């Protein structure tokens, strides 16, 4: 069940690129609209360079980011804004990213289920053959 449907879970978001605290999309999408932001990692992903932002793709690595918990009063709006930014429509066939549930691992050893935007299948296939991997899976520490 996608979060766009009534009764869907209100999961936190695992963000790994321009939505991370301090990055440029964070300021207008999440700043002042969260109750917590914790360092986290998601396993089973490879991070690729994009045109000014990264793409996570199912893989063998680990991606570093933040587990962001929206304020309950702002949740519906945050979800709408993030889906639009990520060019994701629930059930859509032309999505740039897909949103699905993933397990985020926190520094204290706990795990949380979170929404995660990954490259849609056609883009993911292209990245696997022609993309540039970000070593270490951390957008903030990518080679520039």
N, C-alpha and C. Protein backbone atom coordinates (compact mmCIF):
# COMPACT_ATOMS: atom_id res chain seq x y z
N UNK A 1 0.86 -1.18 0.00
CA UNK A 1 0.00 0.00 0.00
C UNK A 1 0.90 1.23 0.00
N UNK A 2 0.66 2.16 -0.91
CA UNK A 2 1.49 3.36 -0.95
C UNK A 2 0.98 4.38 0.06
N UNK A 3 1.84 5.27 0.46
CA UNK A 3 1.48 6.28 1.46
C UNK A 3 0.46 7.27 0.92
N UNK A 4 0.20 7.25 -0.37
CA UNK A 4 -0.79 8.16 -0.94
C UNK A 4 -2.21 7.70 -0.69
N UNK A 5 -2.39 6.50 -0.15
CA UNK A 5 -3.72 5.96 0.08
C UNK A 5 -4.10 6.12 1.54
N UNK A 6 -5.41 6.38 1.82
CA UNK A 6 -5.86 6.47 3.22
C UNK A 6 -5.53 5.18 3.97
N UNK A 7 -5.10 5.31 5.20
CA UNK A 7 -4.77 4.17 6.01
C UNK A 7 -3.34 3.66 5.82
N UNK A 8 -2.60 4.25 4.89
CA UNK A 8 -1.21 3.85 4.67
C UNK A 8 -0.37 4.29 5.87
N UNK A 9 0.73 3.59 6.13
CA UNK A 9 1.56 3.97 7.28
C UNK A 9 2.21 5.34 7.10
N UNK A 10 2.34 6.04 8.20
CA UNK A 10 3.04 7.33 8.20
C UNK A 10 4.46 7.07 8.67
N UNK A 11 5.27 6.63 7.75
CA UNK A 11 6.65 6.30 8.06
C UNK A 11 7.53 7.54 8.01
N UNK A 12 8.65 7.51 8.74
CA UNK A 12 9.65 8.57 8.54
C UNK A 12 10.26 8.39 7.15
N UNK A 13 11.11 9.31 6.75
CA UNK A 13 11.77 9.26 5.44
C UNK A 13 13.27 9.09 5.65
N UNK A 14 13.88 8.21 4.85
CA UNK A 14 15.33 8.13 4.80
C UNK A 14 15.76 8.99 3.63
N UNK A 15 16.51 10.06 3.91
CA UNK A 15 16.97 10.98 2.86
C UNK A 15 18.49 10.89 2.77
N UNK A 16 19.02 10.93 1.54
CA UNK A 16 20.45 10.66 1.35
C UNK A 16 21.15 11.66 0.44
N UNK A 17 20.46 12.63 -0.08
CA UNK A 17 21.08 13.58 -1.01
C UNK A 17 20.75 15.01 -0.63
N UNK A 18 20.10 15.71 -1.55
CA UNK A 18 19.81 17.14 -1.36
C UNK A 18 18.71 17.40 -0.33
N UNK A 19 18.08 16.34 0.19
CA UNK A 19 17.08 16.49 1.24
C UNK A 19 17.68 16.33 2.65
N UNK A 20 18.95 15.97 2.73
CA UNK A 20 19.59 15.84 4.04
C UNK A 20 19.68 17.20 4.73
N UNK A 21 19.59 17.20 6.06
CA UNK A 21 19.73 18.46 6.79
C UNK A 21 20.98 19.22 6.34
N UNK A 22 20.80 20.50 6.03
CA UNK A 22 21.88 21.36 5.58
C UNK A 22 22.01 21.44 4.07
N UNK A 23 21.41 20.51 3.34
CA UNK A 23 21.47 20.52 1.88
C UNK A 23 20.36 21.40 1.31
N UNK A 24 20.47 21.75 0.02
CA UNK A 24 19.63 22.83 -0.49
C UNK A 24 18.14 22.52 -0.60
N UNK A 25 17.72 21.31 -0.84
CA UNK A 25 16.27 21.04 -0.87
C UNK A 25 15.68 20.87 0.54
N UNK A 26 16.51 20.59 1.51
CA UNK A 26 16.04 20.47 2.88
C UNK A 26 15.38 21.77 3.35
N UNK A 27 15.97 22.88 3.02
CA UNK A 27 15.52 24.18 3.53
C UNK A 27 14.05 24.46 3.21
N UNK A 28 13.61 24.13 2.02
CA UNK A 28 12.22 24.46 1.64
C UNK A 28 11.25 23.28 1.75
N UNK A 29 11.76 22.07 1.98
CA UNK A 29 10.86 20.92 2.08
C UNK A 29 10.67 20.43 3.51
N UNK A 30 11.71 20.48 4.32
CA UNK A 30 11.67 19.84 5.64
C UNK A 30 11.98 20.75 6.81
N UNK A 31 12.74 21.81 6.61
CA UNK A 31 13.14 22.67 7.73
C UNK A 31 11.93 23.18 8.50
N UNK A 32 11.96 22.99 9.81
CA UNK A 32 10.87 23.45 10.67
C UNK A 32 9.64 22.56 10.61
N UNK A 33 9.73 21.42 9.91
CA UNK A 33 8.56 20.54 9.75
C UNK A 33 8.85 19.13 10.22
N UNK A 34 9.91 18.97 11.04
CA UNK A 34 10.27 17.64 11.52
C UNK A 34 10.31 17.63 13.05
N UNK A 35 10.18 16.42 13.60
CA UNK A 35 10.32 16.25 15.04
C UNK A 35 11.64 15.58 15.39
N UNK A 36 12.27 14.94 14.40
CA UNK A 36 13.60 14.37 14.62
C UNK A 36 14.31 14.14 13.29
N UNK A 37 15.62 14.19 13.36
CA UNK A 37 16.51 13.95 12.22
C UNK A 37 17.74 13.24 12.77
N UNK A 38 17.88 11.97 12.43
CA UNK A 38 18.95 11.16 13.00
C UNK A 38 19.83 10.56 11.91
N UNK A 39 21.15 10.53 12.12
CA UNK A 39 22.02 9.87 11.15
C UNK A 39 21.61 8.40 11.01
N UNK A 40 21.63 7.91 9.78
CA UNK A 40 21.23 6.52 9.54
C UNK A 40 21.88 6.01 8.27
N UNK A 41 21.78 4.70 8.06
CA UNK A 41 22.28 4.05 6.85
C UNK A 41 21.24 3.03 6.39
N UNK A 42 21.21 2.81 5.08
CA UNK A 42 20.39 1.74 4.52
C UNK A 42 21.32 0.82 3.74
N UNK A 43 21.23 -0.47 4.02
CA UNK A 43 22.07 -1.47 3.36
C UNK A 43 21.39 -1.98 2.10
N UNK A 44 22.19 -2.58 1.22
CA UNK A 44 21.65 -3.18 0.01
C UNK A 44 21.40 -2.18 -1.10
N UNK A 45 22.14 -1.06 -1.08
CA UNK A 45 21.99 -0.01 -2.09
C UNK A 45 23.35 0.40 -2.62
N UNK A 46 23.35 0.93 -3.83
CA UNK A 46 24.52 1.58 -4.41
C UNK A 46 24.09 2.99 -4.74
N UNK A 47 24.94 3.97 -4.47
CA UNK A 47 24.62 5.37 -4.74
C UNK A 47 25.35 5.82 -6.00
N UNK A 48 24.59 6.45 -6.90
CA UNK A 48 25.12 6.94 -8.18
C UNK A 48 25.00 8.44 -8.27
N UNK A 49 25.93 9.05 -8.99
CA UNK A 49 25.85 10.48 -9.28
C UNK A 49 24.69 10.75 -10.22
N UNK A 50 24.05 11.87 -9.99
CA UNK A 50 23.03 12.36 -10.90
C UNK A 50 23.36 13.79 -11.28
N UNK A 51 22.46 14.45 -11.98
CA UNK A 51 22.71 15.84 -12.39
C UNK A 51 22.44 16.81 -11.24
N UNK A 52 23.33 16.82 -10.25
CA UNK A 52 23.17 17.71 -9.10
C UNK A 52 22.51 17.05 -7.91
N UNK A 53 22.20 15.79 -8.02
CA UNK A 53 21.59 15.03 -6.93
C UNK A 53 21.89 13.55 -7.19
N UNK A 54 21.83 12.71 -6.13
CA UNK A 54 22.17 11.31 -6.32
C UNK A 54 20.96 10.43 -6.58
N UNK A 55 21.25 9.20 -7.00
CA UNK A 55 20.23 8.16 -7.14
C UNK A 55 20.68 6.95 -6.34
N UNK A 56 19.80 6.41 -5.50
CA UNK A 56 20.05 5.13 -4.84
C UNK A 56 19.42 4.04 -5.70
N UNK A 57 20.17 2.95 -5.85
CA UNK A 57 19.75 1.81 -6.66
C UNK A 57 20.02 0.55 -5.85
N UNK A 58 19.14 -0.43 -5.95
CA UNK A 58 19.39 -1.69 -5.27
C UNK A 58 20.76 -2.21 -5.68
N UNK A 59 21.54 -2.61 -4.68
CA UNK A 59 22.90 -3.05 -4.95
C UNK A 59 23.49 -3.77 -3.76
N UNK A 60 24.80 -3.70 -3.65
CA UNK A 60 25.49 -4.45 -2.61
C UNK A 60 26.12 -3.56 -1.54
N UNK A 61 25.97 -2.27 -1.66
CA UNK A 61 26.61 -1.36 -0.73
C UNK A 61 25.70 -0.87 0.37
N UNK A 62 26.04 0.29 0.86
CA UNK A 62 25.31 0.94 1.95
C UNK A 62 25.28 2.43 1.65
N UNK A 63 24.15 3.06 1.92
CA UNK A 63 24.01 4.49 1.68
C UNK A 63 23.84 5.20 3.02
N UNK A 64 24.56 6.30 3.18
CA UNK A 64 24.50 7.12 4.38
C UNK A 64 23.52 8.26 4.18
N UNK A 65 22.75 8.56 5.21
CA UNK A 65 21.80 9.65 5.12
C UNK A 65 21.25 10.00 6.48
N UNK A 66 19.99 10.42 6.49
CA UNK A 66 19.32 10.80 7.73
C UNK A 66 17.91 10.23 7.75
N UNK A 67 17.50 9.79 8.91
CA UNK A 67 16.12 9.38 9.12
C UNK A 67 15.37 10.61 9.63
N UNK A 68 14.44 11.07 8.82
CA UNK A 68 13.72 12.32 9.11
C UNK A 68 12.28 11.98 9.44
N UNK A 69 11.85 12.39 10.62
CA UNK A 69 10.48 12.16 11.08
C UNK A 69 9.69 13.47 10.98
N UNK A 70 8.75 13.57 10.03
CA UNK A 70 7.97 14.80 9.91
C UNK A 70 7.06 15.02 11.12
N UNK A 71 6.80 16.26 11.42
CA UNK A 71 5.81 16.62 12.43
C UNK A 71 4.48 16.03 11.97
N UNK A 72 3.73 15.35 12.85
CA UNK A 72 2.47 14.76 12.42
C UNK A 72 1.51 15.75 11.75
N UNK A 73 1.50 17.00 12.23
CA UNK A 73 0.60 18.00 11.64
C UNK A 73 1.01 18.37 10.21
N UNK A 74 2.28 18.16 9.87
CA UNK A 74 2.78 18.52 8.54
C UNK A 74 2.97 17.31 7.63
N UNK A 75 2.68 16.11 8.13
CA UNK A 75 3.02 14.90 7.40
C UNK A 75 2.43 14.85 5.99
N UNK A 76 1.15 15.09 5.84
CA UNK A 76 0.51 14.99 4.52
C UNK A 76 1.14 15.97 3.54
N UNK A 77 1.44 17.18 3.98
CA UNK A 77 2.05 18.16 3.10
C UNK A 77 3.49 17.79 2.76
N UNK A 78 4.25 17.30 3.74
CA UNK A 78 5.62 16.86 3.49
C UNK A 78 5.61 15.73 2.46
N UNK A 79 4.74 14.77 2.63
CA UNK A 79 4.65 13.66 1.68
C UNK A 79 4.33 14.16 0.28
N UNK A 80 3.39 15.06 0.17
CA UNK A 80 3.01 15.61 -1.14
C UNK A 80 4.19 16.34 -1.78
N UNK A 81 4.89 17.17 -1.01
CA UNK A 81 6.01 17.94 -1.53
C UNK A 81 7.17 17.02 -1.94
N UNK A 82 7.48 16.02 -1.12
CA UNK A 82 8.58 15.12 -1.45
C UNK A 82 8.25 14.27 -2.68
N UNK A 83 7.02 13.78 -2.76
CA UNK A 83 6.62 13.01 -3.94
C UNK A 83 6.75 13.86 -5.21
N UNK A 84 6.34 15.11 -5.13
CA UNK A 84 6.43 16.00 -6.30
C UNK A 84 7.90 16.27 -6.65
N UNK A 85 8.72 16.59 -5.65
CA UNK A 85 10.13 16.86 -5.89
C UNK A 85 10.81 15.65 -6.54
N UNK A 86 10.48 14.46 -6.07
CA UNK A 86 11.12 13.24 -6.57
C UNK A 86 10.44 12.71 -7.84
N UNK A 87 9.51 13.46 -8.38
CA UNK A 87 8.81 13.07 -9.62
C UNK A 87 8.22 11.67 -9.47
N UNK A 88 7.52 11.48 -8.33
CA UNK A 88 6.91 10.19 -8.01
C UNK A 88 5.40 10.35 -7.89
N UNK A 89 4.67 9.54 -8.62
CA UNK A 89 3.22 9.45 -8.51
C UNK A 89 2.87 8.02 -8.14
N UNK A 90 2.17 7.80 -7.01
CA UNK A 90 1.81 6.42 -6.65
C UNK A 90 1.10 5.73 -7.82
N UNK A 91 1.62 4.58 -8.21
CA UNK A 91 1.03 3.83 -9.31
C UNK A 91 1.40 4.34 -10.70
N UNK A 92 2.18 5.43 -10.76
CA UNK A 92 2.56 6.02 -12.04
C UNK A 92 3.56 5.16 -12.79
N UNK A 93 3.58 5.29 -14.12
CA UNK A 93 4.49 4.49 -14.93
C UNK A 93 5.68 5.30 -15.43
N UNK A 94 5.65 6.61 -15.32
CA UNK A 94 6.75 7.44 -15.80
C UNK A 94 7.55 8.08 -14.70
N UNK A 95 7.58 7.47 -13.53
CA UNK A 95 8.27 8.05 -12.38
C UNK A 95 9.79 8.07 -12.58
N UNK A 96 10.42 9.14 -12.08
CA UNK A 96 11.88 9.21 -12.04
C UNK A 96 12.40 8.37 -10.87
N UNK A 97 11.74 8.51 -9.73
CA UNK A 97 12.05 7.73 -8.53
C UNK A 97 10.83 6.89 -8.18
N UNK A 98 11.07 5.84 -7.41
CA UNK A 98 10.01 5.06 -6.80
C UNK A 98 10.14 5.22 -5.30
N UNK A 99 9.01 5.20 -4.59
CA UNK A 99 9.03 5.28 -3.13
C UNK A 99 8.61 3.94 -2.57
N UNK A 100 9.45 3.39 -1.69
CA UNK A 100 9.13 2.12 -1.05
C UNK A 100 9.68 2.10 0.36
N UNK A 101 9.28 1.10 1.11
CA UNK A 101 9.73 0.97 2.49
C UNK A 101 11.10 0.30 2.52
N UNK A 102 11.95 0.76 3.43
CA UNK A 102 13.29 0.22 3.61
C UNK A 102 13.62 0.23 5.10
N UNK A 103 14.61 -0.54 5.48
CA UNK A 103 15.06 -0.57 6.87
C UNK A 103 16.24 0.37 7.03
N UNK A 104 16.07 1.37 7.88
CA UNK A 104 17.15 2.31 8.19
C UNK A 104 17.80 1.86 9.49
N UNK A 105 19.13 1.85 9.49
CA UNK A 105 19.91 1.45 10.66
C UNK A 105 20.47 2.70 11.32
N UNK A 106 20.11 2.91 12.58
CA UNK A 106 20.55 4.09 13.32
C UNK A 106 21.87 3.80 14.04
N UNK A 107 22.55 4.86 14.44
CA UNK A 107 23.86 4.74 15.08
C UNK A 107 23.80 3.94 16.38
N UNK A 108 22.67 3.97 17.07
CA UNK A 108 22.56 3.24 18.34
C UNK A 108 22.22 1.76 18.15
N UNK A 109 22.16 1.31 16.88
CA UNK A 109 21.89 -0.10 16.60
C UNK A 109 20.43 -0.42 16.34
N UNK A 110 19.55 0.53 16.58
CA UNK A 110 18.14 0.26 16.32
C UNK A 110 17.85 0.37 14.83
N UNK A 111 16.73 -0.23 14.44
CA UNK A 111 16.28 -0.20 13.05
C UNK A 111 14.89 0.42 12.99
N UNK A 112 14.64 1.17 11.93
CA UNK A 112 13.33 1.77 11.70
C UNK A 112 12.94 1.57 10.25
N UNK A 113 11.69 1.29 10.01
CA UNK A 113 11.18 1.23 8.65
C UNK A 113 10.90 2.66 8.21
N UNK A 114 11.32 2.98 6.99
CA UNK A 114 11.18 4.35 6.49
C UNK A 114 10.86 4.33 5.01
N UNK A 115 10.27 5.41 4.53
CA UNK A 115 10.11 5.60 3.09
C UNK A 115 11.47 5.97 2.51
N UNK A 116 11.75 5.43 1.33
CA UNK A 116 13.01 5.67 0.64
C UNK A 116 12.69 5.84 -0.84
N UNK A 117 13.24 6.87 -1.45
CA UNK A 117 13.11 7.09 -2.88
C UNK A 117 14.33 6.50 -3.58
N UNK A 118 14.09 5.56 -4.50
CA UNK A 118 15.16 4.96 -5.29
C UNK A 118 14.88 5.22 -6.77
N UNK A 119 15.90 5.13 -7.59
CA UNK A 119 15.74 5.32 -9.03
C UNK A 119 14.73 4.31 -9.56
N UNK A 120 13.81 4.79 -10.41
CA UNK A 120 12.82 3.91 -11.03
C UNK A 120 13.54 2.87 -11.90
N UNK A 121 12.93 1.71 -12.15
CA UNK A 121 13.61 0.61 -12.85
C UNK A 121 14.33 0.97 -14.16
N UNK A 122 13.74 1.71 -15.08
CA UNK A 122 14.50 2.00 -16.31
C UNK A 122 15.77 2.82 -16.05
N UNK A 123 15.67 3.79 -15.16
CA UNK A 123 16.84 4.60 -14.81
C UNK A 123 17.85 3.75 -14.04
N UNK A 124 17.38 2.91 -13.13
CA UNK A 124 18.28 2.05 -12.36
C UNK A 124 19.09 1.15 -13.29
N UNK A 125 18.44 0.59 -14.30
CA UNK A 125 19.14 -0.28 -15.26
C UNK A 125 20.21 0.51 -16.01
N UNK A 126 19.88 1.73 -16.41
CA UNK A 126 20.85 2.57 -17.11
C UNK A 126 22.04 2.90 -16.20
N UNK A 127 21.76 3.25 -14.96
CA UNK A 127 22.84 3.61 -14.02
C UNK A 127 23.77 2.43 -13.76
N UNK A 128 23.22 1.23 -13.65
CA UNK A 128 24.05 0.06 -13.40
C UNK A 128 25.07 -0.18 -14.51
N UNK A 129 24.72 0.18 -15.73
CA UNK A 129 25.64 -0.06 -16.85
C UNK A 129 26.45 1.18 -17.24
N UNK A 130 25.91 2.38 -17.01
CA UNK A 130 26.58 3.60 -17.48
C UNK A 130 26.82 4.65 -16.39
N UNK A 131 26.32 4.41 -15.18
CA UNK A 131 26.41 5.42 -14.13
C UNK A 131 27.76 5.46 -13.43
N UNK A 132 27.95 6.54 -12.67
CA UNK A 132 29.16 6.71 -11.86
C UNK A 132 28.79 6.50 -10.40
N UNK A 133 29.39 5.49 -9.79
CA UNK A 133 29.14 5.17 -8.39
C UNK A 133 29.80 6.21 -7.50
N UNK A 134 29.10 6.58 -6.44
CA UNK A 134 29.68 7.46 -5.41
C UNK A 134 30.33 6.54 -4.38
N UNK A 135 31.67 6.51 -4.34
CA UNK A 135 32.37 5.60 -3.42
C UNK A 135 31.95 5.86 -1.98
N UNK A 136 31.71 4.80 -1.24
CA UNK A 136 31.35 4.91 0.17
C UNK A 136 29.88 5.20 0.41
N UNK A 137 29.10 5.51 -0.65
CA UNK A 137 27.67 5.70 -0.50
C UNK A 137 27.24 6.93 0.27
N UNK A 138 28.09 7.96 0.32
CA UNK A 138 27.74 9.16 1.08
C UNK A 138 27.81 10.38 0.17
N UNK A 139 26.67 10.95 -0.16
CA UNK A 139 26.57 12.12 -1.03
C UNK A 139 27.41 13.29 -0.50
N UNK A 140 27.45 13.47 0.80
CA UNK A 140 28.18 14.60 1.37
C UNK A 140 29.69 14.44 1.27
N UNK A 141 30.17 13.24 1.03
CA UNK A 141 31.61 12.99 0.93
C UNK A 141 32.00 12.48 -0.46
N UNK A 142 31.21 12.83 -1.45
CA UNK A 142 31.50 12.40 -2.83
C UNK A 142 32.70 13.17 -3.36
N UNK A 143 33.44 12.56 -4.27
CA UNK A 143 34.53 13.30 -4.92
C UNK A 143 33.93 14.43 -5.76
N UNK A 144 34.53 15.58 -5.70
CA UNK A 144 33.99 16.72 -6.47
C UNK A 144 34.93 17.05 -7.60
